[in-house]
Amino acid sequence: MPQWKLSPATISKGTVTCTGTQFCGQAKINTKGSAQDFADRLDAKFDFANDVRIHWTGCPNTCSQIQVGDIGLIGTTAKDKAGKPSEAVDIYLGGGIGQTAAIGTLHKKGVVVHDALMEELEAIIIDKFGATLKAPDTRSPPRSATDTAPPSSSYAQNKKPWDL
């Protein structure tokens, strides 16, 4: 279950999806699950100078309007590396709204979601949107609950089941 964030990262806040295979008989891919997974992975790996909007739709009805996303992904099927039919997307680039209104154009067809989509998205956000790899975190790890933290003096936290 996705968690709503007060201050979502760049890809998370710019992601739009249709209901996908979970609730639509016409969709060919799991848009919501894939969108959440890819947004989390891209946001964890990259820093962005500008917003990037990724629109996912499961079928040609394009309920999430992939034509106007910076990156538009439309569900289809294609053969994976093992030759089995798999969830795939056609990738569109260059869509926009408002002062930068434009209709996206086809960039690449039949990119298998679990085989090659991450590499394609990484290349696109670096080349077209100036994303940069995040610097490694050099801070010391947070203390765990088993470290020597002082015991709490709060009654509620020290309450035993028989004290109820």
N, C-alpha and C. Protein backbone atom coordinates (compact mmCIF):
# COMPACT_ATOMS: atom_id res chain seq x y z
N MET A 1 0.84 -1.17 0.00
CA MET A 1 0.00 0.00 0.00
C MET A 1 0.89 1.24 0.00
N PRO A 2 0.74 2.11 -0.99
CA PRO A 2 1.58 3.30 -1.04
C PRO A 2 1.32 4.21 0.17
N GLN A 3 2.35 4.87 0.59
CA GLN A 3 2.25 5.81 1.70
C GLN A 3 2.27 7.23 1.14
N TRP A 4 1.31 8.06 1.56
CA TRP A 4 1.28 9.46 1.14
C TRP A 4 2.34 10.22 1.90
N LYS A 5 3.04 11.10 1.22
CA LYS A 5 4.11 11.87 1.84
C LYS A 5 3.75 13.35 1.82
N LEU A 6 4.11 14.07 2.87
CA LEU A 6 3.85 15.51 2.92
C LEU A 6 4.71 16.26 1.92
N SER A 7 5.94 15.81 1.74
CA SER A 7 6.86 16.44 0.79
C SER A 7 7.44 15.37 -0.11
N PRO A 8 6.69 14.92 -1.11
CA PRO A 8 7.20 13.85 -1.98
C PRO A 8 8.40 14.32 -2.81
N ALA A 9 9.23 13.37 -3.16
CA ALA A 9 10.39 13.65 -4.00
C ALA A 9 9.94 13.89 -5.44
N THR A 10 10.86 14.29 -6.28
CA THR A 10 10.57 14.76 -7.64
C THR A 10 9.72 13.80 -8.47
N ILE A 11 10.15 12.57 -8.62
CA ILE A 11 9.41 11.64 -9.47
C ILE A 11 8.08 11.26 -8.81
N SER A 12 8.10 11.04 -7.52
CA SER A 12 6.86 10.67 -6.81
C SER A 12 5.78 11.73 -6.98
N LYS A 13 6.16 13.00 -6.85
CA LYS A 13 5.14 14.05 -6.95
C LYS A 13 4.72 14.31 -8.38
N GLY A 14 5.50 13.88 -9.35
CA GLY A 14 5.16 14.11 -10.74
C GLY A 14 4.60 12.89 -11.45
N THR A 15 4.21 11.88 -10.69
CA THR A 15 3.70 10.65 -11.30
C THR A 15 2.18 10.65 -11.36
N VAL A 16 1.65 10.29 -12.52
CA VAL A 16 0.21 10.18 -12.74
C VAL A 16 -0.03 8.79 -13.32
N THR A 17 -1.06 8.08 -12.82
CA THR A 17 -1.37 6.77 -13.38
C THR A 17 -2.87 6.59 -13.54
N CYS A 18 -3.22 5.71 -14.45
CA CYS A 18 -4.60 5.23 -14.52
C CYS A 18 -4.72 4.10 -13.50
N THR A 19 -5.85 3.44 -13.43
CA THR A 19 -6.02 2.38 -12.44
C THR A 19 -5.29 1.10 -12.79
N GLY A 20 -4.93 0.90 -14.04
CA GLY A 20 -4.16 -0.27 -14.43
C GLY A 20 -4.93 -1.57 -14.30
N THR A 21 -4.21 -2.68 -14.37
CA THR A 21 -4.84 -4.00 -14.37
C THR A 21 -5.59 -4.31 -13.08
N GLN A 22 -5.27 -3.61 -12.01
CA GLN A 22 -5.94 -3.87 -10.74
C GLN A 22 -7.45 -3.62 -10.83
N PHE A 23 -7.87 -2.58 -11.56
CA PHE A 23 -9.29 -2.23 -11.61
C PHE A 23 -9.85 -2.06 -13.03
N CYS A 24 -9.04 -2.28 -14.05
CA CYS A 24 -9.51 -2.05 -15.41
C CYS A 24 -9.23 -3.27 -16.29
N GLY A 25 -10.27 -3.78 -16.92
CA GLY A 25 -10.13 -4.94 -17.79
C GLY A 25 -9.42 -4.65 -19.09
N GLN A 26 -9.25 -3.38 -19.45
CA GLN A 26 -8.58 -3.04 -20.70
C GLN A 26 -7.07 -2.84 -20.54
N ALA A 27 -6.63 -2.58 -19.30
CA ALA A 27 -5.21 -2.31 -19.06
C ALA A 27 -4.37 -3.56 -19.29
N LYS A 28 -3.19 -3.35 -19.80
CA LYS A 28 -2.27 -4.44 -20.07
C LYS A 28 -1.15 -4.53 -19.05
N ILE A 29 -1.01 -3.50 -18.19
CA ILE A 29 0.07 -3.50 -17.20
C ILE A 29 -0.44 -3.02 -15.84
N ASN A 30 0.30 -3.34 -14.81
CA ASN A 30 0.03 -2.88 -13.45
C ASN A 30 0.64 -1.48 -13.31
N THR A 31 -0.13 -0.48 -13.63
CA THR A 31 0.40 0.89 -13.63
C THR A 31 0.74 1.39 -12.24
N LYS A 32 -0.17 1.23 -11.30
CA LYS A 32 0.03 1.81 -9.97
C LYS A 32 1.21 1.17 -9.24
N GLY A 33 1.30 -0.15 -9.25
CA GLY A 33 2.41 -0.83 -8.58
C GLY A 33 3.75 -0.50 -9.23
N SER A 34 3.77 -0.51 -10.55
CA SER A 34 5.02 -0.20 -11.26
C SER A 34 5.42 1.25 -11.05
N ALA A 35 4.45 2.16 -11.14
CA ALA A 35 4.75 3.58 -10.98
C ALA A 35 5.34 3.87 -9.61
N GLN A 36 4.75 3.29 -8.57
CA GLN A 36 5.26 3.50 -7.21
C GLN A 36 6.67 2.95 -7.08
N ASP A 37 6.90 1.75 -7.58
CA ASP A 37 8.22 1.12 -7.50
C ASP A 37 9.28 1.94 -8.23
N PHE A 38 8.99 2.32 -9.47
CA PHE A 38 9.97 3.07 -10.25
C PHE A 38 10.20 4.46 -9.67
N ALA A 39 9.15 5.13 -9.20
CA ALA A 39 9.31 6.46 -8.59
C ALA A 39 10.20 6.38 -7.36
N ASP A 40 9.96 5.40 -6.50
CA ASP A 40 10.78 5.25 -5.30
C ASP A 40 12.24 4.99 -5.65
N ARG A 41 12.47 4.13 -6.62
CA ARG A 41 13.85 3.79 -6.99
C ARG A 41 14.57 4.98 -7.64
N LEU A 42 13.89 5.69 -8.53
CA LEU A 42 14.52 6.84 -9.19
C LEU A 42 14.77 7.97 -8.20
N ASP A 43 13.80 8.25 -7.33
CA ASP A 43 13.98 9.31 -6.33
C ASP A 43 15.12 8.98 -5.36
N ALA A 44 15.30 7.71 -5.04
CA ALA A 44 16.37 7.31 -4.12
C ALA A 44 17.75 7.43 -4.77
N LYS A 45 17.81 7.31 -6.08
CA LYS A 45 19.09 7.26 -6.78
C LYS A 45 19.55 8.60 -7.35
N PHE A 46 18.60 9.51 -7.68
CA PHE A 46 18.95 10.72 -8.41
C PHE A 46 18.50 12.00 -7.71
N ASP A 47 19.24 13.08 -7.98
CA ASP A 47 18.84 14.44 -7.63
C ASP A 47 18.38 15.11 -8.92
N PHE A 48 17.41 16.00 -8.80
CA PHE A 48 16.83 16.64 -9.98
C PHE A 48 16.87 18.15 -9.84
N ALA A 49 17.27 18.83 -10.91
CA ALA A 49 17.26 20.29 -10.92
C ALA A 49 15.86 20.81 -11.24
N ASN A 50 15.08 20.05 -11.97
CA ASN A 50 13.74 20.44 -12.39
C ASN A 50 12.76 19.31 -12.12
N ASP A 51 11.48 19.66 -12.11
CA ASP A 51 10.44 18.65 -11.96
C ASP A 51 10.39 17.77 -13.21
N VAL A 52 10.00 16.52 -13.01
CA VAL A 52 9.83 15.57 -14.11
C VAL A 52 8.49 14.87 -13.88
N ARG A 53 7.64 14.93 -14.88
CA ARG A 53 6.32 14.30 -14.78
C ARG A 53 6.29 13.03 -15.62
N ILE A 54 6.01 11.91 -14.97
CA ILE A 54 5.90 10.63 -15.67
C ILE A 54 4.44 10.19 -15.59
N HIS A 55 3.81 10.01 -16.74
CA HIS A 55 2.41 9.58 -16.82
C HIS A 55 2.38 8.14 -17.32
N TRP A 56 1.74 7.26 -16.54
CA TRP A 56 1.60 5.84 -16.87
C TRP A 56 0.15 5.55 -17.24
N THR A 57 -0.07 4.86 -18.33
CA THR A 57 -1.42 4.41 -18.67
C THR A 57 -1.35 2.96 -19.14
N GLY A 58 -2.40 2.21 -18.84
CA GLY A 58 -2.37 0.77 -19.10
C GLY A 58 -2.81 0.35 -20.48
N CYS A 59 -3.45 1.25 -21.23
CA CYS A 59 -3.97 0.87 -22.55
C CYS A 59 -4.07 2.10 -23.46
N PRO A 60 -4.46 1.92 -24.71
CA PRO A 60 -4.55 3.05 -25.64
C PRO A 60 -5.60 4.10 -25.28
N ASN A 61 -6.50 3.83 -24.32
CA ASN A 61 -7.46 4.86 -23.92
C ASN A 61 -6.78 6.03 -23.22
N THR A 62 -5.57 5.84 -22.76
CA THR A 62 -4.71 6.85 -22.15
C THR A 62 -5.41 7.73 -21.12
N CYS A 63 -6.01 7.07 -20.14
CA CYS A 63 -6.71 7.78 -19.06
C CYS A 63 -5.81 8.72 -18.28
N SER A 64 -4.54 8.44 -18.21
CA SER A 64 -3.63 9.34 -17.48
C SER A 64 -2.94 10.35 -18.39
N GLN A 65 -3.41 10.44 -19.61
CA GLN A 65 -2.94 11.45 -20.58
C GLN A 65 -1.42 11.45 -20.77
N ILE A 66 -0.91 10.32 -21.23
CA ILE A 66 0.53 10.19 -21.44
C ILE A 66 1.08 11.20 -22.45
N GLN A 67 0.21 11.73 -23.30
CA GLN A 67 0.66 12.67 -24.34
C GLN A 67 1.22 13.96 -23.74
N VAL A 68 0.78 14.33 -22.53
CA VAL A 68 1.22 15.61 -21.96
C VAL A 68 2.21 15.44 -20.82
N GLY A 69 2.65 14.22 -20.54
CA GLY A 69 3.68 14.01 -19.54
C GLY A 69 5.05 14.29 -20.14
N ASP A 70 5.99 14.70 -19.30
CA ASP A 70 7.38 14.83 -19.79
C ASP A 70 7.83 13.49 -20.35
N ILE A 71 7.46 12.44 -19.61
CA ILE A 71 7.68 11.06 -20.06
C ILE A 71 6.32 10.38 -20.00
N GLY A 72 5.88 9.79 -21.08
CA GLY A 72 4.61 9.08 -21.12
C GLY A 72 4.86 7.61 -21.37
N LEU A 73 4.24 6.76 -20.58
CA LEU A 73 4.42 5.31 -20.70
C LEU A 73 3.05 4.67 -20.93
N ILE A 74 2.89 4.01 -22.06
CA ILE A 74 1.62 3.37 -22.39
C ILE A 74 1.80 1.86 -22.39
N GLY A 75 0.94 1.17 -21.66
CA GLY A 75 1.06 -0.28 -21.50
C GLY A 75 0.84 -1.05 -22.78
N THR A 76 1.63 -2.09 -22.92
CA THR A 76 1.53 -3.00 -24.06
C THR A 76 2.13 -4.33 -23.62
N THR A 77 2.35 -5.24 -24.53
CA THR A 77 3.06 -6.48 -24.22
C THR A 77 4.20 -6.63 -25.22
N ALA A 78 5.23 -7.29 -24.76
CA ALA A 78 6.39 -7.58 -25.62
C ALA A 78 7.08 -8.81 -25.05
N LYS A 79 7.92 -9.42 -25.81
CA LYS A 79 8.65 -10.60 -25.33
C LYS A 79 9.86 -10.15 -24.51
N ASP A 80 10.03 -10.80 -23.35
CA ASP A 80 11.18 -10.49 -22.51
C ASP A 80 12.42 -11.20 -23.03
N LYS A 81 13.50 -11.13 -22.28
CA LYS A 81 14.77 -11.73 -22.71
C LYS A 81 14.66 -13.25 -22.89
N ALA A 82 13.74 -13.86 -22.15
CA ALA A 82 13.54 -15.31 -22.25
C ALA A 82 12.55 -15.68 -23.35
N GLY A 83 11.99 -14.69 -24.03
CA GLY A 83 11.06 -14.93 -25.11
C GLY A 83 9.61 -15.10 -24.66
N LYS A 84 9.32 -14.79 -23.39
CA LYS A 84 7.95 -14.91 -22.88
C LYS A 84 7.23 -13.58 -22.96
N PRO A 85 5.93 -13.60 -23.29
CA PRO A 85 5.16 -12.35 -23.31
C PRO A 85 5.16 -11.72 -21.91
N SER A 86 5.42 -10.42 -21.85
CA SER A 86 5.55 -9.72 -20.58
C SER A 86 4.96 -8.33 -20.66
N GLU A 87 4.73 -7.74 -19.49
CA GLU A 87 4.29 -6.34 -19.43
C GLU A 87 5.38 -5.46 -20.03
N ALA A 88 4.98 -4.53 -20.88
CA ALA A 88 5.92 -3.63 -21.53
C ALA A 88 5.27 -2.27 -21.70
N VAL A 89 6.05 -1.28 -22.09
CA VAL A 89 5.53 0.05 -22.34
C VAL A 89 6.12 0.61 -23.63
N ASP A 90 5.35 1.48 -24.26
CA ASP A 90 5.88 2.33 -25.32
C ASP A 90 6.18 3.66 -24.63
N ILE A 91 7.33 4.24 -24.90
CA ILE A 91 7.76 5.45 -24.22
C ILE A 91 7.59 6.66 -25.13
N TYR A 92 6.93 7.69 -24.61
CA TYR A 92 6.74 8.96 -25.31
C TYR A 92 7.48 10.05 -24.54
N LEU A 93 8.04 11.00 -25.26
CA LEU A 93 8.78 12.11 -24.63
C LEU A 93 8.31 13.44 -25.20
N GLY A 94 8.44 14.48 -24.38
CA GLY A 94 8.24 15.84 -24.87
C GLY A 94 6.88 16.43 -24.67
N GLY A 95 6.01 15.77 -23.92
CA GLY A 95 4.70 16.35 -23.66
C GLY A 95 4.80 17.50 -22.68
N GLY A 96 3.81 18.36 -22.67
CA GLY A 96 3.82 19.48 -21.74
C GLY A 96 2.44 20.07 -21.57
N ILE A 97 2.30 20.90 -20.52
CA ILE A 97 1.04 21.58 -20.25
C ILE A 97 1.33 23.06 -19.98
N GLY A 98 0.30 23.86 -19.99
CA GLY A 98 0.46 25.28 -19.69
C GLY A 98 1.26 26.00 -20.76
N GLN A 99 2.23 26.82 -20.32
CA GLN A 99 3.06 27.60 -21.25
C GLN A 99 3.94 26.72 -22.13
N THR A 100 4.17 25.47 -21.69
CA THR A 100 5.01 24.56 -22.47
C THR A 100 4.16 23.44 -23.09
N ALA A 101 2.92 23.75 -23.44
CA ALA A 101 2.01 22.74 -23.98
C ALA A 101 2.59 22.09 -25.22
N ALA A 102 2.55 20.77 -25.23
CA ALA A 102 3.03 20.00 -26.38
C ALA A 102 2.49 18.58 -26.26
N ILE A 103 2.49 17.89 -27.37
CA ILE A 103 2.10 16.49 -27.41
C ILE A 103 3.37 15.67 -27.54
N GLY A 104 3.55 14.69 -26.65
CA GLY A 104 4.74 13.85 -26.68
C GLY A 104 4.81 13.02 -27.95
N THR A 105 6.03 12.67 -28.31
CA THR A 105 6.25 11.84 -29.50
C THR A 105 6.89 10.52 -29.09
N LEU A 106 6.66 9.50 -29.90
CA LEU A 106 7.17 8.17 -29.60
C LEU A 106 8.69 8.17 -29.55
N HIS A 107 9.22 7.64 -28.47
CA HIS A 107 10.67 7.52 -28.29
C HIS A 107 11.12 6.09 -28.53
N LYS A 108 10.39 5.13 -27.93
CA LYS A 108 10.79 3.72 -28.08
C LYS A 108 9.58 2.83 -27.80
N LYS A 109 9.45 1.76 -28.57
CA LYS A 109 8.31 0.84 -28.43
C LYS A 109 8.73 -0.46 -27.74
N GLY A 110 7.78 -1.05 -27.00
CA GLY A 110 7.94 -2.39 -26.46
C GLY A 110 9.07 -2.59 -25.47
N VAL A 111 9.25 -1.67 -24.53
CA VAL A 111 10.29 -1.81 -23.51
C VAL A 111 9.70 -2.65 -22.36
N VAL A 112 10.26 -3.83 -22.13
CA VAL A 112 9.75 -4.74 -21.11
C VAL A 112 10.01 -4.13 -19.73
N VAL A 113 8.95 -4.07 -18.93
CA VAL A 113 9.02 -3.39 -17.64
C VAL A 113 10.10 -3.99 -16.74
N HIS A 114 10.11 -5.31 -16.57
CA HIS A 114 11.07 -5.90 -15.63
C HIS A 114 12.45 -6.15 -16.24
N ASP A 115 12.60 -6.03 -17.54
CA ASP A 115 13.90 -6.25 -18.17
C ASP A 115 14.70 -4.97 -18.40
N ALA A 116 14.07 -3.95 -18.96
CA ALA A 116 14.86 -2.83 -19.48
C ALA A 116 14.32 -1.45 -19.14
N LEU A 117 13.16 -1.35 -18.51
CA LEU A 117 12.57 -0.02 -18.31
C LEU A 117 13.40 0.86 -17.39
N MET A 118 13.94 0.30 -16.32
CA MET A 118 14.72 1.14 -15.40
C MET A 118 15.91 1.78 -16.11
N GLU A 119 16.62 1.01 -16.90
CA GLU A 119 17.78 1.54 -17.63
C GLU A 119 17.35 2.63 -18.61
N GLU A 120 16.23 2.42 -19.28
CA GLU A 120 15.71 3.42 -20.23
C GLU A 120 15.35 4.71 -19.50
N LEU A 121 14.62 4.58 -18.38
CA LEU A 121 14.23 5.78 -17.63
C LEU A 121 15.44 6.52 -17.08
N GLU A 122 16.42 5.78 -16.58
CA GLU A 122 17.64 6.42 -16.06
C GLU A 122 18.33 7.22 -17.17
N ALA A 123 18.48 6.61 -18.34
CA ALA A 123 19.13 7.30 -19.46
C ALA A 123 18.35 8.56 -19.85
N ILE A 124 17.04 8.46 -19.88
CA ILE A 124 16.20 9.61 -20.27
C ILE A 124 16.32 10.74 -19.26
N ILE A 125 16.20 10.43 -17.97
CA ILE A 125 16.22 11.52 -16.98
C ILE A 125 17.60 12.16 -16.87
N ILE A 126 18.65 11.41 -17.17
CA ILE A 126 19.99 12.01 -17.17
C ILE A 126 20.17 12.87 -18.42
N ASP A 127 19.87 12.31 -19.60
CA ASP A 127 20.09 13.02 -20.86
C ASP A 127 19.15 14.19 -21.09
N LYS A 128 17.87 14.00 -20.81
CA LYS A 128 16.87 15.02 -21.15
C LYS A 128 16.53 15.96 -20.00
N PHE A 129 16.73 15.51 -18.75
CA PHE A 129 16.29 16.31 -17.61
C PHE A 129 17.41 16.66 -16.64
N GLY A 130 18.64 16.30 -16.96
CA GLY A 130 19.79 16.71 -16.16
C GLY A 130 19.87 16.09 -14.78
N ALA A 131 19.27 14.94 -14.58
CA ALA A 131 19.36 14.28 -13.27
C ALA A 131 20.80 13.87 -13.00
N THR A 132 21.18 13.91 -11.73
CA THR A 132 22.53 13.50 -11.33
C THR A 132 22.43 12.47 -10.21
N LEU A 133 23.41 11.57 -10.17
CA LEU A 133 23.42 10.57 -9.11
C LEU A 133 23.58 11.26 -7.76
N LYS A 134 22.86 10.77 -6.77
CA LYS A 134 22.99 11.33 -5.42
C LYS A 134 24.36 10.97 -4.86
N ALA A 135 24.90 11.88 -4.06
CA ALA A 135 26.16 11.60 -3.39
C ALA A 135 25.91 10.51 -2.34
N PRO A 136 26.90 9.66 -2.12
CA PRO A 136 26.72 8.62 -1.10
C PRO A 136 26.53 9.25 0.28
N ASP A 137 25.70 8.61 1.09
CA ASP A 137 25.43 9.09 2.44
C ASP A 137 26.58 8.69 3.34
N THR A 138 27.32 9.67 3.85
CA THR A 138 28.49 9.39 4.69
C THR A 138 28.20 9.60 6.17
N ARG A 139 26.95 9.93 6.48
CA ARG A 139 26.59 10.11 7.88
C ARG A 139 26.65 8.78 8.61
N SER A 140 26.84 8.83 9.92
CA SER A 140 26.84 7.59 10.70
C SER A 140 25.41 7.06 10.74
N PRO A 141 25.26 5.75 10.80
CA PRO A 141 23.91 5.17 10.81
C PRO A 141 23.17 5.56 12.08
N PRO A 142 21.85 5.62 12.00
CA PRO A 142 21.08 5.98 13.19
C PRO A 142 21.20 4.91 14.25
N ARG A 143 21.06 5.33 15.50
CA ARG A 143 21.13 4.37 16.60
C ARG A 143 19.94 3.43 16.52
N SER A 144 20.17 2.20 16.82
CA SER A 144 19.07 1.23 16.83
C SER A 144 18.48 1.16 18.23
N ALA A 145 17.33 0.56 18.34
CA ALA A 145 16.66 0.43 19.63
C ALA A 145 17.45 -0.43 20.60
N THR A 146 18.35 -1.27 20.09
CA THR A 146 19.13 -2.14 20.97
C THR A 146 20.39 -1.46 21.48
N ASP A 147 20.72 -0.28 20.96
CA ASP A 147 21.86 0.46 21.48
C ASP A 147 21.58 0.85 22.92
N THR A 148 22.56 1.42 23.56
CA THR A 148 22.45 1.75 24.98
C THR A 148 21.72 3.06 25.19
N ALA A 149 20.48 3.13 24.74
CA ALA A 149 19.66 4.32 24.95
C ALA A 149 19.15 4.29 26.39
N PRO A 150 19.04 5.45 27.02
CA PRO A 150 18.54 5.45 28.40
C PRO A 150 17.09 4.98 28.44
N PRO A 151 16.71 4.25 29.47
CA PRO A 151 15.33 3.78 29.55
C PRO A 151 14.37 4.95 29.71
N SER A 152 13.19 4.77 29.19
CA SER A 152 12.18 5.81 29.25
C SER A 152 11.55 5.84 30.64
N SER A 153 11.25 7.03 31.11
CA SER A 153 10.61 7.14 32.41
C SER A 153 9.11 7.33 32.26
N SER A 154 8.62 7.30 31.04
CA SER A 154 7.20 7.48 30.80
C SER A 154 6.42 6.26 31.27
N TYR A 155 5.38 6.48 32.06
CA TYR A 155 4.56 5.39 32.58
C TYR A 155 3.95 4.59 31.44
N ALA A 156 3.43 5.29 30.40
CA ALA A 156 2.75 4.61 29.30
C ALA A 156 3.70 3.67 28.56
N GLN A 157 4.97 4.07 28.41
CA GLN A 157 5.92 3.23 27.69
C GLN A 157 6.41 2.07 28.55
N ASN A 158 6.37 2.22 29.87
CA ASN A 158 6.85 1.16 30.77
C ASN A 158 5.73 0.32 31.34
N LYS A 159 4.53 0.56 30.89
CA LYS A 159 3.35 -0.14 31.40
C LYS A 159 3.42 -1.62 31.02
N LYS A 160 3.05 -2.45 31.94
CA LYS A 160 3.00 -3.90 31.70
C LYS A 160 1.57 -4.29 31.35
N PRO A 161 1.37 -5.41 30.65
CA PRO A 161 0.02 -5.81 30.28
C PRO A 161 -0.91 -5.95 31.49
N TRP A 162 -0.38 -6.38 32.63
CA TRP A 162 -1.22 -6.57 33.81
C TRP A 162 -1.57 -5.25 34.52
N ASP A 163 -0.96 -4.13 34.04
CA ASP A 163 -1.26 -2.83 34.64
C ASP A 163 -2.51 -2.21 34.04
N LEU A 164 -3.09 -2.83 33.03
CA LEU A 164 -4.25 -2.24 32.35
C LEU A 164 -5.48 -2.22 33.18
